[in-house]
């Protein structure tokens, strides 16, 4: 079992930055693929960024060049640095963890609101 707790969300003006953190407990995440998804009101939950256990990253087209995902396995934590934020980035951001075997895990989400 992996428990994921997100933090770092909030209200920011367009053009600003936020850094989200996802602290994992219950099990090490060093062999897990990790990622961030987001869901805006009335929309589906979409992948924002992912990082494999080996460090390979993948980003949604809309955030390339603005967001950076990273991981610190020693701290069992994953980060999402978000720069040049836009109003359309407003959503609840969820941390995701996929072990080598078994089901994926989700955090409870953190709200990010970008004002214009």
Protein backbone atom coordinates (compact mmCIF):
# COMPACT_ATOMS: atom_id res chain seq x y z
CA UNK A 1 0.00 0.00 0.00
CA UNK A 2 1.19 3.47 -0.88
CA UNK A 3 -0.29 6.61 0.62
CA UNK A 4 0.23 9.82 -1.33
CA UNK A 5 -0.19 13.32 0.07
CA UNK A 6 0.01 16.33 -2.20
CA UNK A 7 0.87 19.83 -1.09
CA UNK A 8 1.86 23.15 -2.59
CA UNK A 9 -1.31 24.12 -4.39
CA UNK A 10 -2.90 27.53 -4.07
CA UNK A 11 -3.92 30.71 -5.82
CA UNK A 12 -1.45 32.42 -8.12
CA UNK A 13 -1.60 35.08 -10.79
CA UNK A 14 -1.03 34.25 -14.42
CA UNK A 15 2.67 34.08 -15.15
CA UNK A 16 3.47 32.96 -11.64
CA UNK A 17 4.94 29.73 -10.33
CA UNK A 18 4.03 26.96 -7.93
CA UNK A 19 5.82 23.84 -6.79
CA UNK A 20 3.73 20.81 -5.96
CA UNK A 21 5.03 18.04 -3.75
CA UNK A 22 3.80 14.49 -3.38
CA UNK A 23 5.01 12.70 -0.28
CA UNK A 24 4.64 8.93 -0.33
CA UNK A 25 4.45 6.64 2.67
CA UNK A 26 3.76 2.99 3.35
CA UNK A 27 6.19 1.76 0.74
CA UNK A 28 9.20 2.97 -1.18
CA UNK A 29 8.44 4.52 -4.58
CA UNK A 30 11.91 4.03 -6.02
CA UNK A 31 10.70 1.36 -8.43
CA UNK A 32 7.38 3.04 -9.18
CA UNK A 33 6.40 5.14 -12.11
CA UNK A 34 5.11 8.42 -10.72
CA UNK A 35 3.09 11.21 -12.20
CA UNK A 36 0.78 14.16 -11.91
CA UNK A 37 -2.71 14.34 -13.37
CA UNK A 38 -5.16 17.20 -13.28
CA UNK A 39 -8.90 17.56 -13.51
CA UNK A 40 -10.75 20.77 -14.19
CA UNK A 41 -14.47 21.12 -13.39
CA UNK A 42 -16.57 19.22 -15.88
CA UNK A 43 -13.56 17.67 -17.58
CA UNK A 44 -11.81 14.32 -17.45
CA UNK A 45 -8.65 13.68 -15.49
CA UNK A 46 -5.65 14.06 -17.79
CA UNK A 47 -1.97 13.29 -17.48
CA UNK A 48 0.21 16.35 -16.91
CA UNK A 49 3.62 14.76 -16.41
CA UNK A 50 5.11 11.40 -15.56
CA UNK A 51 8.51 10.13 -14.51
CA UNK A 52 9.57 6.52 -14.71
CA UNK A 53 11.67 4.76 -12.09
CA UNK A 54 14.68 5.23 -14.34
CA UNK A 55 14.06 8.95 -14.67
CA UNK A 56 12.52 9.14 -18.13
CA UNK A 57 9.93 11.92 -18.26
CA UNK A 58 6.81 12.51 -20.29
CA UNK A 59 4.71 15.69 -20.52
CA UNK A 60 1.40 16.80 -21.90
CA UNK A 61 1.94 19.05 -24.91
CA UNK A 62 0.27 21.96 -23.14
CA UNK A 63 2.88 22.09 -20.36
CA UNK A 64 6.09 21.36 -22.24
CA UNK A 65 8.64 24.05 -21.50
CA UNK A 66 6.70 25.30 -18.45
CA UNK A 67 6.41 22.34 -16.07
CA UNK A 68 9.13 20.05 -14.76
CA UNK A 69 8.59 16.79 -12.93
CA UNK A 70 11.30 15.40 -10.68
CA UNK A 71 11.70 12.78 -8.00
CA UNK A 72 13.78 12.33 -4.86
CA UNK A 73 13.61 8.65 -4.02
CA UNK A 74 15.62 9.19 -0.85
CA UNK A 75 12.79 11.41 0.39
CA UNK A 76 10.08 9.26 -1.22
CA UNK A 77 8.78 12.43 -2.85
CA UNK A 78 7.86 13.62 -6.32
CA UNK A 79 7.69 17.25 -7.37
CA UNK A 80 6.04 19.29 -10.09
CA UNK A 81 7.57 22.69 -10.73
CA UNK A 82 5.07 24.83 -12.59
CA UNK A 83 6.21 28.07 -14.21
CA UNK A 84 4.50 30.58 -16.47
CA UNK A 85 1.14 29.44 -15.17
CA UNK A 86 -1.96 30.18 -17.23
CA UNK A 87 -5.64 30.37 -16.22
CA UNK A 88 -6.23 27.16 -18.17
CA UNK A 89 -3.90 25.37 -15.76
CA UNK A 90 -6.54 25.78 -13.07
CA UNK A 91 -7.53 22.33 -11.82
CA UNK A 92 -7.22 19.85 -9.02
CA UNK A 93 -3.82 18.18 -9.34
CA UNK A 94 -3.49 14.55 -8.34
CA UNK A 95 -0.37 12.56 -7.61
CA UNK A 96 -0.23 9.05 -9.11
CA UNK A 97 1.96 6.06 -8.38
CA UNK A 98 2.20 2.81 -10.31
CA UNK A 99 4.18 -0.06 -8.79
CA UNK A 100 5.78 -2.83 -10.83
CA UNK A 101 2.88 -5.08 -9.81
CA UNK A 102 -0.58 -4.38 -8.55
CA UNK A 103 -2.86 -1.42 -8.79
CA UNK A 104 -2.05 2.26 -9.10
CA UNK A 105 -2.48 4.70 -6.22
CA UNK A 106 -3.81 8.24 -6.11
CA UNK A 107 -3.48 11.14 -3.74
CA UNK A 108 -6.40 13.23 -2.55
CA UNK A 109 -5.56 16.14 -4.82
CA UNK A 110 -4.50 19.74 -4.37
CA UNK A 111 -6.25 22.74 -5.90
CA UNK A 112 -4.34 25.04 -8.22
CA UNK A 113 -6.09 28.25 -9.24
CA UNK A 114 -4.52 30.68 -11.69
CA UNK A 115 -6.13 34.09 -11.93
CA UNK A 116 -5.95 36.22 -15.05
